[in-house]
Amino acid sequence: MAVVFAVGCKKRKEEAPVPLVPSAGSAGSAGSAGSAAAAAPTLTDPQIAAIVVAANQVDIDAGQLALSRSKNAEVKKFAERMVTDHGAVIKAATDLVTKLGVTPEQSDMSKDLVAGGADARAQFEKLDGDAFDRAYVDNEVAYHEAVIDALKSQLIPSASNEELKKTLVGVQPAFDAHLAHARQVQAALAGDGSAAPAHAHAP
């Protein structure tokens, strides 16, 4: 069972979580992310700052859980990369908002990210072995697809401070690389083999 989380929408059935996407106030399937973002209200810079921290912390928490539960070397390598890279993004974001004198402000999107992450971890904790590995990696694929879409369609267009906008644009390649890595591990797990070695690391 693939356990995926996102924001703005509850699971339709407790036993069957569905992939959702970040959106300010509402969400749908990955395919509807663009229209959902287009209909959402414009986010302020303080709200964007809080969303960036929440989104990265959620993935750090998931990665730390994977490091403690997975026995698959490549899944653990991927999880370690997520913890390291997303930790660096949080530090960069925190340093920037401190420099700009911006106080992060919670929004429905940041609150739902945190709640969705907690729901996902609760589901992961029920799983072990291959089932855990597949659920975690499937979630990482859906999560990074959703975050990349939110960056392109909502966060970057909404940012009013040019330095903040530049920072958001700058982190997108890392998220793209994470998605490619997650898909690689996902494909290897689906083939019932050990996850293939990752390609070159992108910070």
N, C-alpha and C. Protein backbone atom coordinates (compact mmCIF):
# COMPACT_ATOMS: atom_id res chain seq x y z
N MET A 1 0.84 -1.19 0.00
CA MET A 1 0.00 0.00 0.00
C MET A 1 0.87 1.23 0.00
N ALA A 2 0.67 2.07 -0.93
CA ALA A 2 1.43 3.30 -0.98
C ALA A 2 0.77 4.32 -0.08
N VAL A 3 1.51 4.83 0.88
CA VAL A 3 0.97 5.82 1.80
C VAL A 3 1.55 7.17 1.42
N VAL A 4 0.72 8.08 0.95
CA VAL A 4 1.21 9.39 0.56
C VAL A 4 0.46 10.45 1.31
N PHE A 5 1.09 11.58 1.54
CA PHE A 5 0.43 12.66 2.23
C PHE A 5 0.53 13.91 1.40
N ALA A 6 -0.32 14.87 1.71
CA ALA A 6 -0.15 16.22 1.21
C ALA A 6 -1.04 17.10 2.03
N VAL A 7 -1.55 18.18 1.44
CA VAL A 7 -2.19 19.17 2.27
C VAL A 7 -3.53 19.57 1.75
N GLY A 8 -4.35 20.13 2.66
CA GLY A 8 -5.60 20.74 2.27
C GLY A 8 -6.73 19.77 2.05
N CYS A 9 -6.53 18.48 2.28
CA CYS A 9 -7.59 17.51 2.01
C CYS A 9 -7.39 16.31 2.92
N LYS A 10 -8.47 15.73 3.41
CA LYS A 10 -8.39 14.57 4.30
C LYS A 10 -8.44 13.29 3.49
N LYS A 11 -8.00 12.18 4.12
CA LYS A 11 -8.08 10.89 3.46
C LYS A 11 -9.53 10.51 3.27
N ARG A 12 -9.88 9.97 2.09
CA ARG A 12 -11.25 9.57 1.82
C ARG A 12 -11.64 8.36 2.66
N LYS A 13 -10.69 7.42 2.83
CA LYS A 13 -10.92 6.24 3.64
C LYS A 13 -9.69 6.02 4.49
N GLU A 14 -9.91 5.66 5.74
CA GLU A 14 -8.77 5.51 6.65
C GLU A 14 -7.80 4.47 6.13
N GLU A 15 -8.33 3.41 5.48
CA GLU A 15 -7.46 2.36 5.02
C GLU A 15 -6.88 2.62 3.65
N ALA A 16 -7.27 3.70 3.01
CA ALA A 16 -6.80 3.95 1.65
C ALA A 16 -6.43 5.40 1.45
N PRO A 17 -5.28 5.85 2.01
CA PRO A 17 -4.83 7.22 1.81
C PRO A 17 -4.65 7.50 0.32
N VAL A 18 -4.87 8.75 -0.08
CA VAL A 18 -4.76 9.10 -1.49
C VAL A 18 -3.71 10.17 -1.68
N PRO A 19 -3.05 10.20 -2.82
CA PRO A 19 -2.05 11.25 -3.08
C PRO A 19 -2.72 12.59 -3.23
N LEU A 20 -2.22 13.57 -2.50
CA LEU A 20 -2.77 14.92 -2.53
C LEU A 20 -1.65 15.90 -2.81
N VAL A 21 -2.00 17.15 -3.04
CA VAL A 21 -0.98 18.12 -3.41
C VAL A 21 -1.11 19.39 -2.59
N PRO A 22 -0.01 20.13 -2.37
CA PRO A 22 -0.08 21.38 -1.65
C PRO A 22 -0.95 22.39 -2.35
N SER A 23 -1.76 23.09 -1.58
CA SER A 23 -2.61 24.16 -2.11
C SER A 23 -3.07 25.01 -0.96
N ALA A 24 -3.19 26.30 -1.17
CA ALA A 24 -3.66 27.17 -0.10
C ALA A 24 -5.17 27.08 -0.03
N GLY A 25 -5.67 26.25 0.86
CA GLY A 25 -7.10 26.18 1.09
C GLY A 25 -7.77 24.98 0.50
N SER A 26 -7.26 24.39 -0.59
CA SER A 26 -7.89 23.21 -1.17
C SER A 26 -6.86 22.42 -1.93
N ALA A 27 -7.19 21.16 -2.22
CA ALA A 27 -6.26 20.32 -2.96
C ALA A 27 -7.03 19.27 -3.72
N GLY A 28 -6.31 18.61 -4.67
CA GLY A 28 -6.93 17.54 -5.43
C GLY A 28 -5.87 16.57 -5.81
N SER A 29 -6.02 15.91 -6.93
CA SER A 29 -5.02 14.96 -7.39
C SER A 29 -3.85 15.71 -7.98
N ALA A 30 -2.75 14.98 -8.20
CA ALA A 30 -1.56 15.63 -8.76
C ALA A 30 -1.88 16.29 -10.08
N GLY A 31 -2.78 15.72 -10.85
CA GLY A 31 -3.10 16.29 -12.15
C GLY A 31 -3.82 17.60 -12.07
N SER A 32 -4.47 17.89 -10.93
CA SER A 32 -5.23 19.13 -10.81
C SER A 32 -4.47 20.19 -10.05
N ALA A 33 -3.19 19.95 -9.79
CA ALA A 33 -2.42 20.88 -8.97
C ALA A 33 -2.39 22.27 -9.56
N GLY A 34 -2.20 22.36 -10.87
CA GLY A 34 -2.10 23.67 -11.50
C GLY A 34 -3.36 24.48 -11.33
N SER A 35 -4.53 23.87 -11.57
CA SER A 35 -5.78 24.60 -11.45
C SER A 35 -6.07 24.97 -10.02
N ALA A 36 -5.70 24.08 -9.07
CA ALA A 36 -5.91 24.38 -7.66
C ALA A 36 -5.08 25.57 -7.24
N ALA A 37 -3.81 25.59 -7.68
CA ALA A 37 -2.93 26.70 -7.31
C ALA A 37 -3.41 27.99 -7.94
N ALA A 38 -3.89 27.92 -9.18
CA ALA A 38 -4.33 29.12 -9.87
C ALA A 38 -5.51 29.75 -9.16
N ALA A 39 -6.37 28.91 -8.53
CA ALA A 39 -7.56 29.43 -7.87
C ALA A 39 -7.27 29.88 -6.44
N ALA A 40 -6.09 29.56 -5.92
CA ALA A 40 -5.77 29.86 -4.53
C ALA A 40 -5.39 31.33 -4.38
N PRO A 41 -5.62 31.89 -3.18
CA PRO A 41 -5.23 33.28 -2.94
C PRO A 41 -3.72 33.43 -2.95
N THR A 42 -3.24 34.61 -3.31
CA THR A 42 -1.81 34.87 -3.34
C THR A 42 -1.24 34.81 -1.93
N LEU A 43 -0.11 34.15 -1.80
CA LEU A 43 0.54 34.02 -0.50
C LEU A 43 1.44 35.21 -0.24
N THR A 44 1.58 35.60 1.02
CA THR A 44 2.50 36.66 1.40
C THR A 44 3.88 36.07 1.63
N ASP A 45 4.90 36.93 1.65
CA ASP A 45 6.26 36.45 1.90
C ASP A 45 6.39 35.76 3.26
N PRO A 46 5.80 36.31 4.35
CA PRO A 46 5.88 35.59 5.63
C PRO A 46 5.22 34.21 5.57
N GLN A 47 4.11 34.09 4.84
CA GLN A 47 3.46 32.79 4.69
C GLN A 47 4.32 31.83 3.88
N ILE A 48 4.96 32.34 2.83
CA ILE A 48 5.84 31.51 2.01
C ILE A 48 7.00 30.99 2.85
N ALA A 49 7.56 31.86 3.69
CA ALA A 49 8.67 31.44 4.55
C ALA A 49 8.26 30.29 5.45
N ALA A 50 7.07 30.37 6.03
CA ALA A 50 6.58 29.30 6.91
C ALA A 50 6.34 28.02 6.13
N ILE A 51 5.83 28.14 4.91
CA ILE A 51 5.58 26.97 4.07
C ILE A 51 6.88 26.27 3.72
N VAL A 52 7.91 27.05 3.37
CA VAL A 52 9.20 26.48 3.01
C VAL A 52 9.78 25.67 4.18
N VAL A 53 9.73 26.25 5.37
CA VAL A 53 10.25 25.55 6.54
C VAL A 53 9.44 24.29 6.82
N ALA A 54 8.11 24.41 6.77
CA ALA A 54 7.25 23.25 7.06
C ALA A 54 7.47 22.14 6.05
N ALA A 55 7.52 22.49 4.77
CA ALA A 55 7.67 21.47 3.72
C ALA A 55 8.98 20.71 3.87
N ASN A 56 10.04 21.43 4.19
CA ASN A 56 11.34 20.77 4.34
C ASN A 56 11.41 19.96 5.63
N GLN A 57 10.82 20.49 6.72
CA GLN A 57 10.86 19.76 7.99
C GLN A 57 10.07 18.46 7.89
N VAL A 58 8.95 18.48 7.18
CA VAL A 58 8.16 17.27 6.98
C VAL A 58 9.00 16.18 6.32
N ASP A 59 9.78 16.56 5.32
CA ASP A 59 10.58 15.55 4.62
C ASP A 59 11.77 15.10 5.46
N ILE A 60 12.31 15.99 6.28
CA ILE A 60 13.37 15.60 7.21
C ILE A 60 12.84 14.55 8.19
N ASP A 61 11.65 14.81 8.74
CA ASP A 61 11.07 13.88 9.70
C ASP A 61 10.82 12.51 9.07
N ALA A 62 10.31 12.51 7.83
CA ALA A 62 10.08 11.25 7.13
C ALA A 62 11.39 10.52 6.87
N GLY A 63 12.42 11.29 6.49
CA GLY A 63 13.73 10.70 6.24
C GLY A 63 14.34 10.09 7.49
N GLN A 64 14.19 10.78 8.61
CA GLN A 64 14.73 10.25 9.87
C GLN A 64 14.03 8.96 10.27
N LEU A 65 12.72 8.89 10.01
CA LEU A 65 12.00 7.65 10.30
C LEU A 65 12.50 6.52 9.40
N ALA A 66 12.72 6.83 8.12
CA ALA A 66 13.23 5.81 7.20
C ALA A 66 14.61 5.33 7.62
N LEU A 67 15.44 6.23 8.09
CA LEU A 67 16.78 5.83 8.54
C LEU A 67 16.71 4.86 9.72
N SER A 68 15.70 5.02 10.55
CA SER A 68 15.59 4.16 11.73
C SER A 68 14.87 2.84 11.46
N ARG A 69 14.07 2.78 10.37
CA ARG A 69 13.25 1.59 10.13
C ARG A 69 13.67 0.76 8.92
N SER A 70 14.19 1.40 7.90
CA SER A 70 14.51 0.66 6.68
C SER A 70 15.78 -0.18 6.85
N LYS A 71 15.79 -1.32 6.18
CA LYS A 71 16.98 -2.17 6.15
C LYS A 71 17.63 -2.14 4.76
N ASN A 72 17.02 -1.40 3.84
CA ASN A 72 17.51 -1.33 2.46
C ASN A 72 18.57 -0.24 2.35
N ALA A 73 19.75 -0.59 1.90
CA ALA A 73 20.87 0.36 1.88
C ALA A 73 20.58 1.57 1.02
N GLU A 74 19.95 1.38 -0.14
CA GLU A 74 19.71 2.50 -1.03
C GLU A 74 18.56 3.38 -0.55
N VAL A 75 17.57 2.79 0.10
CA VAL A 75 16.51 3.58 0.70
C VAL A 75 17.09 4.44 1.81
N LYS A 76 17.98 3.86 2.61
CA LYS A 76 18.61 4.62 3.69
C LYS A 76 19.51 5.72 3.13
N LYS A 77 20.20 5.44 2.02
CA LYS A 77 21.04 6.46 1.40
C LYS A 77 20.19 7.63 0.90
N PHE A 78 19.05 7.30 0.29
CA PHE A 78 18.14 8.35 -0.17
C PHE A 78 17.62 9.15 1.02
N ALA A 79 17.20 8.46 2.08
CA ALA A 79 16.67 9.14 3.26
C ALA A 79 17.70 10.07 3.88
N GLU A 80 18.95 9.61 3.93
CA GLU A 80 20.03 10.44 4.49
C GLU A 80 20.21 11.70 3.64
N ARG A 81 20.12 11.54 2.34
CA ARG A 81 20.23 12.69 1.45
C ARG A 81 19.10 13.69 1.71
N MET A 82 17.88 13.18 1.93
CA MET A 82 16.75 14.07 2.20
C MET A 82 16.96 14.85 3.49
N VAL A 83 17.42 14.17 4.53
CA VAL A 83 17.65 14.84 5.80
C VAL A 83 18.71 15.93 5.65
N THR A 84 19.80 15.61 4.96
CA THR A 84 20.89 16.57 4.79
C THR A 84 20.48 17.75 3.92
N ASP A 85 19.92 17.46 2.74
CA ASP A 85 19.60 18.53 1.79
C ASP A 85 18.48 19.43 2.29
N HIS A 86 17.43 18.84 2.84
CA HIS A 86 16.32 19.66 3.31
C HIS A 86 16.70 20.45 4.56
N GLY A 87 17.62 19.90 5.35
CA GLY A 87 18.14 20.66 6.48
C GLY A 87 18.88 21.90 6.01
N ALA A 88 19.62 21.76 4.91
CA ALA A 88 20.35 22.90 4.35
C ALA A 88 19.39 23.96 3.82
N VAL A 89 18.27 23.53 3.23
CA VAL A 89 17.28 24.48 2.73
C VAL A 89 16.65 25.25 3.88
N ILE A 90 16.34 24.55 4.97
CA ILE A 90 15.77 25.23 6.13
C ILE A 90 16.74 26.27 6.67
N LYS A 91 18.02 25.91 6.75
CA LYS A 91 19.02 26.87 7.26
C LYS A 91 19.10 28.09 6.36
N ALA A 92 19.11 27.86 5.04
CA ALA A 92 19.18 28.98 4.10
C ALA A 92 17.95 29.87 4.22
N ALA A 93 16.78 29.25 4.35
CA ALA A 93 15.54 30.02 4.47
C ALA A 93 15.51 30.81 5.77
N THR A 94 15.95 30.17 6.86
CA THR A 94 15.98 30.85 8.15
C THR A 94 16.95 32.01 8.14
N ASP A 95 18.12 31.80 7.56
CA ASP A 95 19.10 32.89 7.46
C ASP A 95 18.55 34.05 6.65
N LEU A 96 17.82 33.74 5.57
CA LEU A 96 17.29 34.80 4.71
C LEU A 96 16.21 35.60 5.41
N VAL A 97 15.26 34.93 6.06
CA VAL A 97 14.18 35.68 6.70
C VAL A 97 14.71 36.49 7.87
N THR A 98 15.76 35.99 8.53
CA THR A 98 16.39 36.77 9.59
C THR A 98 17.02 38.03 9.01
N LYS A 99 17.71 37.88 7.89
CA LYS A 99 18.34 39.01 7.22
C LYS A 99 17.30 40.03 6.77
N LEU A 100 16.16 39.54 6.27
CA LEU A 100 15.12 40.42 5.75
C LEU A 100 14.20 40.97 6.85
N GLY A 101 14.33 40.43 8.05
CA GLY A 101 13.45 40.86 9.13
C GLY A 101 12.02 40.38 8.96
N VAL A 102 11.86 39.23 8.32
CA VAL A 102 10.53 38.67 8.06
C VAL A 102 10.22 37.62 9.12
N THR A 103 9.05 37.73 9.73
CA THR A 103 8.60 36.72 10.69
C THR A 103 7.67 35.75 9.99
N PRO A 104 8.05 34.47 9.89
CA PRO A 104 7.19 33.49 9.21
C PRO A 104 5.78 33.49 9.81
N GLU A 105 4.80 33.38 8.93
CA GLU A 105 3.39 33.41 9.34
C GLU A 105 2.69 32.14 8.86
N GLN A 106 2.04 31.46 9.78
CA GLN A 106 1.35 30.22 9.42
C GLN A 106 0.14 30.51 8.52
N SER A 107 -0.12 29.59 7.61
CA SER A 107 -1.28 29.66 6.73
C SER A 107 -1.92 28.28 6.70
N ASP A 108 -3.05 28.17 6.03
CA ASP A 108 -3.67 26.85 5.90
C ASP A 108 -2.71 25.86 5.26
N MET A 109 -1.93 26.34 4.30
CA MET A 109 -1.01 25.46 3.58
C MET A 109 0.08 24.92 4.49
N SER A 110 0.70 25.78 5.29
CA SER A 110 1.77 25.31 6.17
C SER A 110 1.22 24.41 7.27
N LYS A 111 0.04 24.75 7.79
CA LYS A 111 -0.57 23.92 8.83
C LYS A 111 -0.93 22.54 8.28
N ASP A 112 -1.45 22.51 7.06
CA ASP A 112 -1.85 21.24 6.46
C ASP A 112 -0.63 20.39 6.10
N LEU A 113 0.47 21.04 5.74
CA LEU A 113 1.70 20.29 5.49
C LEU A 113 2.13 19.53 6.74
N VAL A 114 2.12 20.22 7.87
CA VAL A 114 2.52 19.60 9.13
C VAL A 114 1.57 18.46 9.50
N ALA A 115 0.26 18.71 9.37
CA ALA A 115 -0.72 17.68 9.71
C ALA A 115 -0.60 16.48 8.76
N GLY A 116 -0.40 16.76 7.48
CA GLY A 116 -0.26 15.68 6.51
C GLY A 116 0.98 14.85 6.76
N GLY A 117 2.06 15.51 7.14
CA GLY A 117 3.29 14.79 7.45
C GLY A 117 3.11 13.87 8.66
N ALA A 118 2.39 14.36 9.67
CA ALA A 118 2.14 13.54 10.86
C ALA A 118 1.28 12.33 10.50
N ASP A 119 0.28 12.54 9.65
CA ASP A 119 -0.57 11.43 9.21
C ASP A 119 0.24 10.37 8.47
N ALA A 120 1.14 10.83 7.60
CA ALA A 120 1.95 9.90 6.82
C ALA A 120 2.86 9.09 7.73
N ARG A 121 3.50 9.76 8.69
CA ARG A 121 4.40 9.04 9.60
C ARG A 121 3.63 8.01 10.42
N ALA A 122 2.40 8.35 10.81
CA ALA A 122 1.59 7.39 11.57
C ALA A 122 1.31 6.14 10.74
N GLN A 123 1.09 6.33 9.44
CA GLN A 123 0.87 5.18 8.56
C GLN A 123 2.16 4.39 8.36
N PHE A 124 3.27 5.10 8.17
CA PHE A 124 4.56 4.43 7.98
C PHE A 124 4.91 3.55 9.18
N GLU A 125 4.59 4.02 10.38
CA GLU A 125 4.97 3.31 11.60
C GLU A 125 4.24 1.97 11.74
N LYS A 126 3.20 1.76 10.94
CA LYS A 126 2.48 0.48 10.95
C LYS A 126 3.14 -0.55 10.03
N LEU A 127 4.13 -0.10 9.26
CA LEU A 127 4.73 -0.96 8.24
C LEU A 127 6.16 -1.34 8.58
N ASP A 128 6.61 -2.44 8.00
CA ASP A 128 7.99 -2.90 8.18
C ASP A 128 8.51 -3.46 6.86
N GLY A 129 9.82 -3.60 6.78
CA GLY A 129 10.44 -4.27 5.65
C GLY A 129 10.14 -3.63 4.31
N ASP A 130 9.88 -4.49 3.30
CA ASP A 130 9.64 -3.99 1.95
C ASP A 130 8.41 -3.10 1.89
N ALA A 131 7.38 -3.41 2.68
CA ALA A 131 6.16 -2.60 2.67
C ALA A 131 6.47 -1.17 3.11
N PHE A 132 7.31 -1.04 4.13
CA PHE A 132 7.70 0.30 4.58
C PHE A 132 8.49 1.01 3.50
N ASP A 133 9.48 0.32 2.94
CA ASP A 133 10.33 0.94 1.93
C ASP A 133 9.50 1.48 0.76
N ARG A 134 8.58 0.66 0.26
CA ARG A 134 7.77 1.07 -0.89
C ARG A 134 6.86 2.24 -0.53
N ALA A 135 6.24 2.17 0.65
CA ALA A 135 5.36 3.25 1.07
C ALA A 135 6.12 4.57 1.21
N TYR A 136 7.30 4.50 1.85
CA TYR A 136 8.11 5.71 2.03
C TYR A 136 8.54 6.30 0.70
N VAL A 137 9.05 5.47 -0.19
CA VAL A 137 9.56 5.97 -1.47
C VAL A 137 8.42 6.43 -2.37
N ASP A 138 7.30 5.71 -2.39
CA ASP A 138 6.14 6.16 -3.16
C ASP A 138 5.70 7.54 -2.68
N ASN A 139 5.71 7.72 -1.37
CA ASN A 139 5.33 9.01 -0.80
C ASN A 139 6.30 10.11 -1.21
N GLU A 140 7.59 9.78 -1.23
CA GLU A 140 8.60 10.77 -1.61
C GLU A 140 8.43 11.21 -3.06
N VAL A 141 8.07 10.28 -3.94
CA VAL A 141 7.82 10.65 -5.34
C VAL A 141 6.64 11.61 -5.42
N ALA A 142 5.52 11.25 -4.80
CA ALA A 142 4.33 12.10 -4.85
C ALA A 142 4.58 13.45 -4.17
N TYR A 143 5.30 13.42 -3.06
CA TYR A 143 5.59 14.64 -2.31
C TYR A 143 6.43 15.61 -3.13
N HIS A 144 7.49 15.12 -3.72
CA HIS A 144 8.35 16.01 -4.50
C HIS A 144 7.66 16.52 -5.76
N GLU A 145 6.83 15.69 -6.38
CA GLU A 145 6.04 16.18 -7.52
C GLU A 145 5.15 17.34 -7.08
N ALA A 146 4.51 17.19 -5.93
CA ALA A 146 3.60 18.22 -5.44
C ALA A 146 4.34 19.50 -5.06
N VAL A 147 5.48 19.35 -4.39
CA VAL A 147 6.24 20.54 -3.97
C VAL A 147 6.81 21.28 -5.17
N ILE A 148 7.31 20.55 -6.16
CA ILE A 148 7.82 21.20 -7.37
C ILE A 148 6.71 21.97 -8.06
N ASP A 149 5.52 21.38 -8.15
CA ASP A 149 4.40 22.07 -8.76
C ASP A 149 4.04 23.33 -7.97
N ALA A 150 4.04 23.23 -6.64
CA ALA A 150 3.72 24.38 -5.80
C ALA A 150 4.76 25.49 -5.96
N LEU A 151 6.03 25.10 -6.05
CA LEU A 151 7.08 26.09 -6.27
C LEU A 151 6.83 26.87 -7.56
N LYS A 152 6.57 26.13 -8.64
CA LYS A 152 6.42 26.76 -9.95
C LYS A 152 5.15 27.58 -10.07
N SER A 153 4.04 27.04 -9.56
CA SER A 153 2.75 27.66 -9.82
C SER A 153 2.28 28.61 -8.73
N GLN A 154 2.87 28.51 -7.53
CA GLN A 154 2.35 29.31 -6.43
C GLN A 154 3.40 30.07 -5.65
N LEU A 155 4.41 29.37 -5.13
CA LEU A 155 5.35 30.04 -4.24
C LEU A 155 6.21 31.06 -4.97
N ILE A 156 6.83 30.66 -6.07
CA ILE A 156 7.68 31.60 -6.82
C ILE A 156 6.88 32.77 -7.37
N PRO A 157 5.73 32.54 -8.02
CA PRO A 157 4.95 33.68 -8.53
C PRO A 157 4.44 34.60 -7.42
N SER A 158 4.18 34.06 -6.23
CA SER A 158 3.63 34.87 -5.14
C SER A 158 4.68 35.68 -4.40
N ALA A 159 5.94 35.27 -4.45
CA ALA A 159 6.99 35.95 -3.69
C ALA A 159 7.18 37.37 -4.20
N SER A 160 7.11 38.34 -3.30
CA SER A 160 7.28 39.74 -3.70
C SER A 160 8.71 40.23 -3.52
N ASN A 161 9.41 39.69 -2.52
CA ASN A 161 10.81 40.06 -2.31
C ASN A 161 11.68 39.33 -3.32
N GLU A 162 12.49 40.07 -4.04
CA GLU A 162 13.29 39.47 -5.12
C GLU A 162 14.31 38.47 -4.60
N GLU A 163 14.86 38.72 -3.41
CA GLU A 163 15.84 37.79 -2.86
C GLU A 163 15.17 36.48 -2.46
N LEU A 164 13.96 36.58 -1.91
CA LEU A 164 13.20 35.38 -1.58
C LEU A 164 12.85 34.61 -2.84
N LYS A 165 12.41 35.33 -3.86
CA LYS A 165 12.06 34.68 -5.13
C LYS A 165 13.28 33.97 -5.72
N LYS A 166 14.43 34.64 -5.67
CA LYS A 166 15.66 34.05 -6.20
C LYS A 166 16.03 32.78 -5.43
N THR A 167 15.83 32.79 -4.11
CA THR A 167 16.12 31.61 -3.30
C THR A 167 15.22 30.45 -3.68
N LEU A 168 13.94 30.73 -3.89
CA LEU A 168 12.99 29.68 -4.27
C LEU A 168 13.35 29.09 -5.63
N VAL A 169 13.71 29.96 -6.57
CA VAL A 169 14.13 29.48 -7.89
C VAL A 169 15.39 28.62 -7.75
N GLY A 170 16.28 29.04 -6.85
CA GLY A 170 17.54 28.34 -6.68
C GLY A 170 17.42 26.95 -6.09
N VAL A 171 16.38 26.71 -5.27
CA VAL A 171 16.25 25.38 -4.65
C VAL A 171 15.52 24.39 -5.56
N GLN A 172 14.88 24.89 -6.60
CA GLN A 172 14.10 23.98 -7.46
C GLN A 172 14.93 22.86 -8.09
N PRO A 173 16.15 23.14 -8.59
CA PRO A 173 16.94 22.04 -9.17
C PRO A 173 17.22 20.91 -8.18
N ALA A 174 17.40 21.24 -6.90
CA ALA A 174 17.62 20.20 -5.90
C ALA A 174 16.38 19.33 -5.74
N PHE A 175 15.21 19.96 -5.75
CA PHE A 175 13.97 19.18 -5.66
C PHE A 175 13.79 18.31 -6.90
N ASP A 176 14.15 18.84 -8.06
CA ASP A 176 14.09 18.04 -9.29
C ASP A 176 15.00 16.82 -9.18
N ALA A 177 16.20 17.02 -8.64
CA ALA A 177 17.15 15.92 -8.48
C ALA A 177 16.64 14.90 -7.46
N HIS A 178 16.01 15.39 -6.40
CA HIS A 178 15.43 14.48 -5.41
C HIS A 178 14.34 13.62 -6.04
N LEU A 179 13.51 14.24 -6.87
CA LEU A 179 12.43 13.49 -7.53
C LEU A 179 13.01 12.41 -8.44
N ALA A 180 14.04 12.76 -9.20
CA ALA A 180 14.66 11.77 -10.08
C ALA A 180 15.25 10.61 -9.28
N HIS A 181 15.88 10.93 -8.16
CA HIS A 181 16.46 9.90 -7.29
C HIS A 181 15.35 9.02 -6.71
N ALA A 182 14.27 9.65 -6.24
CA ALA A 182 13.16 8.89 -5.66
C ALA A 182 12.54 7.95 -6.68
N ARG A 183 12.37 8.43 -7.91
CA ARG A 183 11.80 7.58 -8.96
C ARG A 183 12.72 6.41 -9.28
N GLN A 184 14.02 6.65 -9.23
CA GLN A 184 14.99 5.58 -9.49
C GLN A 184 14.87 4.49 -8.44
N VAL A 185 14.81 4.89 -7.17
CA VAL A 185 14.68 3.92 -6.09
C VAL A 185 13.32 3.22 -6.18
N GLN A 186 12.29 3.98 -6.50
CA GLN A 186 10.94 3.42 -6.63
C GLN A 186 10.91 2.32 -7.70
N ALA A 187 11.54 2.59 -8.84
CA ALA A 187 11.55 1.61 -9.93
C ALA A 187 12.28 0.34 -9.52
N ALA A 188 13.39 0.51 -8.79
CA ALA A 188 14.15 -0.66 -8.35
C ALA A 188 13.35 -1.49 -7.35
N LEU A 189 12.66 -0.82 -6.44
CA LEU A 189 11.84 -1.54 -5.46
C LEU A 189 10.68 -2.25 -6.13
N ALA A 190 10.10 -1.63 -7.14
CA ALA A 190 8.97 -2.24 -7.86
C ALA A 190 9.41 -3.50 -8.59
N GLY A 191 10.70 -3.56 -8.95
CA GLY A 191 11.23 -4.73 -9.63
C GLY A 191 11.66 -5.82 -8.67
N ASP A 192 11.37 -5.60 -7.36
CA ASP A 192 11.70 -6.58 -6.32
C ASP A 192 13.20 -6.82 -6.21
N GLY A 193 13.97 -5.81 -6.59
CA GLY A 193 15.41 -5.92 -6.42
C GLY A 193 15.90 -4.85 -5.48
N SER A 194 17.15 -4.91 -5.13
CA SER A 194 17.72 -3.85 -4.32
C SER A 194 17.74 -2.58 -5.13
N ALA A 195 17.50 -1.45 -4.46
CA ALA A 195 17.49 -0.18 -5.16
C ALA A 195 18.84 0.04 -5.81
N ALA A 196 18.80 0.49 -7.06
CA ALA A 196 20.04 0.72 -7.80
C ALA A 196 20.80 1.89 -7.21
N PRO A 197 22.12 1.91 -7.34
CA PRO A 197 22.91 3.03 -6.82
C PRO A 197 22.44 4.34 -7.42
N ALA A 198 22.45 5.38 -6.61
CA ALA A 198 22.00 6.69 -7.08
C ALA A 198 23.04 7.31 -7.99
N HIS A 199 22.57 8.17 -8.88
CA HIS A 199 23.48 8.92 -9.73
C HIS A 199 24.09 10.07 -8.93
N ALA A 200 24.81 10.93 -9.60
CA ALA A 200 25.54 12.01 -8.93
C ALA A 200 24.62 12.82 -8.05
N HIS A 201 25.09 13.14 -6.89
CA HIS A 201 24.34 13.90 -5.90
C HIS A 201 24.25 15.36 -6.31
N ALA A 202 23.04 15.91 -6.21
CA ALA A 202 22.85 17.35 -6.44
C ALA A 202 22.45 17.98 -5.13
N PRO A 203 23.13 19.00 -4.68
CA PRO A 203 22.83 19.58 -3.36
C PRO A 203 21.46 20.22 -3.33
